[in-house]
């Protein structure tokens, strides 16, 4: 998983491995919490990658809600993006008491 993410981010050394490992762990926990699963299913792996890449690209601008300049607009949400949520919905399990 780490190597795939490094490939997608064009990181060719090991300088970001600790950060990426942390982001991978964090993304897995978010997905498990959202889906109520106990483990990341093989079909969910690419969604972990997507969340890690999104989070990595937002480093340094975590609190940014909206920004607009020179015709370019940026808006970040704090939660799992809607397109990833819609894909995760197929893996959601009901919580039992």
Protein backbone atom coordinates (compact mmCIF):
# COMPACT_ATOMS: atom_id res chain seq x y z
CA UNK A 1 0.00 0.00 0.00
CA UNK A 2 2.77 2.44 0.93
CA UNK A 3 4.58 1.84 -2.35
CA UNK A 4 1.41 2.43 -4.38
CA UNK A 5 0.77 5.73 -2.61
CA UNK A 6 4.38 6.82 -3.11
CA UNK A 7 4.04 5.98 -6.79
CA UNK A 8 0.84 8.02 -7.13
CA UNK A 9 2.40 10.96 -5.28
CA UNK A 10 5.67 10.66 -7.24
CA UNK A 11 7.72 10.21 -4.06
CA UNK A 12 10.89 8.35 -4.95
CA UNK A 13 12.69 8.14 -1.62
CA UNK A 14 11.86 7.08 1.94
CA UNK A 15 11.77 10.57 3.45
CA UNK A 16 7.96 10.61 3.76
CA UNK A 17 7.44 6.98 4.83
CA UNK A 18 6.65 7.75 8.48
CA UNK A 19 4.14 10.45 7.53
CA UNK A 20 2.51 8.29 4.88
CA UNK A 21 2.32 5.32 7.27
CA UNK A 22 0.55 7.53 9.80
CA UNK A 23 -1.87 8.81 7.12
CA UNK A 24 -2.56 5.23 6.01
CA UNK A 25 -3.37 4.20 9.59
CA UNK A 26 -5.61 7.25 10.02
CA UNK A 27 -7.45 6.60 6.73
CA UNK A 28 -8.02 2.96 7.68
CA UNK A 29 -9.50 4.00 11.03
CA UNK A 30 -11.83 6.49 9.35
CA UNK A 31 -13.02 3.86 6.90
CA UNK A 32 -13.51 1.23 9.60
CA UNK A 33 -15.43 3.69 11.73
CA UNK A 34 -17.64 4.77 8.84
CA UNK A 35 -18.36 1.25 7.60
CA UNK A 36 -18.57 -0.45 11.02
CA UNK A 37 -16.23 -3.14 9.70
CA UNK A 38 -13.48 -4.78 11.76
CA UNK A 39 -10.95 -4.98 8.94
CA UNK A 40 -10.21 -3.31 5.63
CA UNK A 41 -11.56 -5.54 2.90
CA UNK A 42 -9.43 -5.98 -0.24
CA UNK A 43 -12.06 -4.09 -2.25
CA UNK A 44 -11.56 -1.07 0.04
CA UNK A 45 -7.79 -0.76 -0.42
CA UNK A 46 -7.97 1.75 -3.24
CA UNK A 47 -10.25 3.95 -1.11
CA UNK A 48 -7.60 4.01 1.61
CA UNK A 49 -5.13 5.16 -1.06
CA UNK A 50 -7.54 7.89 -2.19
CA UNK A 51 -8.06 9.20 1.34
CA UNK A 52 -4.31 9.22 2.05
CA UNK A 53 -3.57 11.14 -1.15
CA UNK A 54 -6.32 13.68 -0.42
CA UNK A 55 -5.06 14.18 3.14
CA UNK A 56 -1.42 14.41 2.03
CA UNK A 57 -2.28 17.06 -0.52
CA UNK A 58 -4.09 19.12 2.14
CA UNK A 59 -1.17 19.17 4.60
CA UNK A 60 -0.45 22.73 5.66
CA UNK A 61 -3.94 23.96 4.84
CA UNK A 62 -6.02 21.76 7.15
CA UNK A 63 -8.35 24.50 8.37
CA UNK A 64 -9.09 25.91 4.92
CA UNK A 65 -12.82 25.89 4.26
CA UNK A 66 -12.88 28.07 1.18
CA UNK A 67 -10.42 30.19 -0.76
CA UNK A 68 -10.74 32.02 -4.03
CA UNK A 69 -8.12 33.89 -6.03
CA UNK A 70 -7.49 34.62 -9.70
CA UNK A 71 -10.47 32.57 -10.78
CA UNK A 72 -9.34 29.53 -8.77
CA UNK A 73 -11.47 28.33 -5.90
CA UNK A 74 -10.58 25.77 -3.22
CA UNK A 75 -12.89 24.26 -0.65
CA UNK A 76 -11.88 21.45 1.69
CA UNK A 77 -14.22 19.46 3.83
CA UNK A 78 -13.21 17.87 7.09
CA UNK A 79 -14.92 14.56 6.56
CA UNK A 80 -14.68 11.77 4.01
CA UNK A 81 -15.52 13.26 0.59
CA UNK A 82 -18.97 12.43 -0.79
CA UNK A 83 -17.66 10.41 -3.75
CA UNK A 84 -15.62 8.16 -1.46
CA UNK A 85 -18.53 7.88 1.00
CA UNK A 86 -20.83 6.74 -1.80
CA UNK A 87 -18.37 3.97 -2.65
CA UNK A 88 -17.95 3.01 1.01
CA UNK A 89 -21.72 2.78 1.50
CA UNK A 90 -21.74 -0.65 -0.14
CA UNK A 91 -19.51 -1.93 2.70
CA UNK A 92 -21.44 -0.37 5.61
CA UNK A 93 -22.74 -2.68 8.28
CA UNK A 94 -25.45 -1.87 10.79
CA UNK A 95 -24.28 -1.47 14.33
CA UNK A 96 -25.69 -3.97 16.75
CA UNK A 97 -26.22 -3.17 20.39
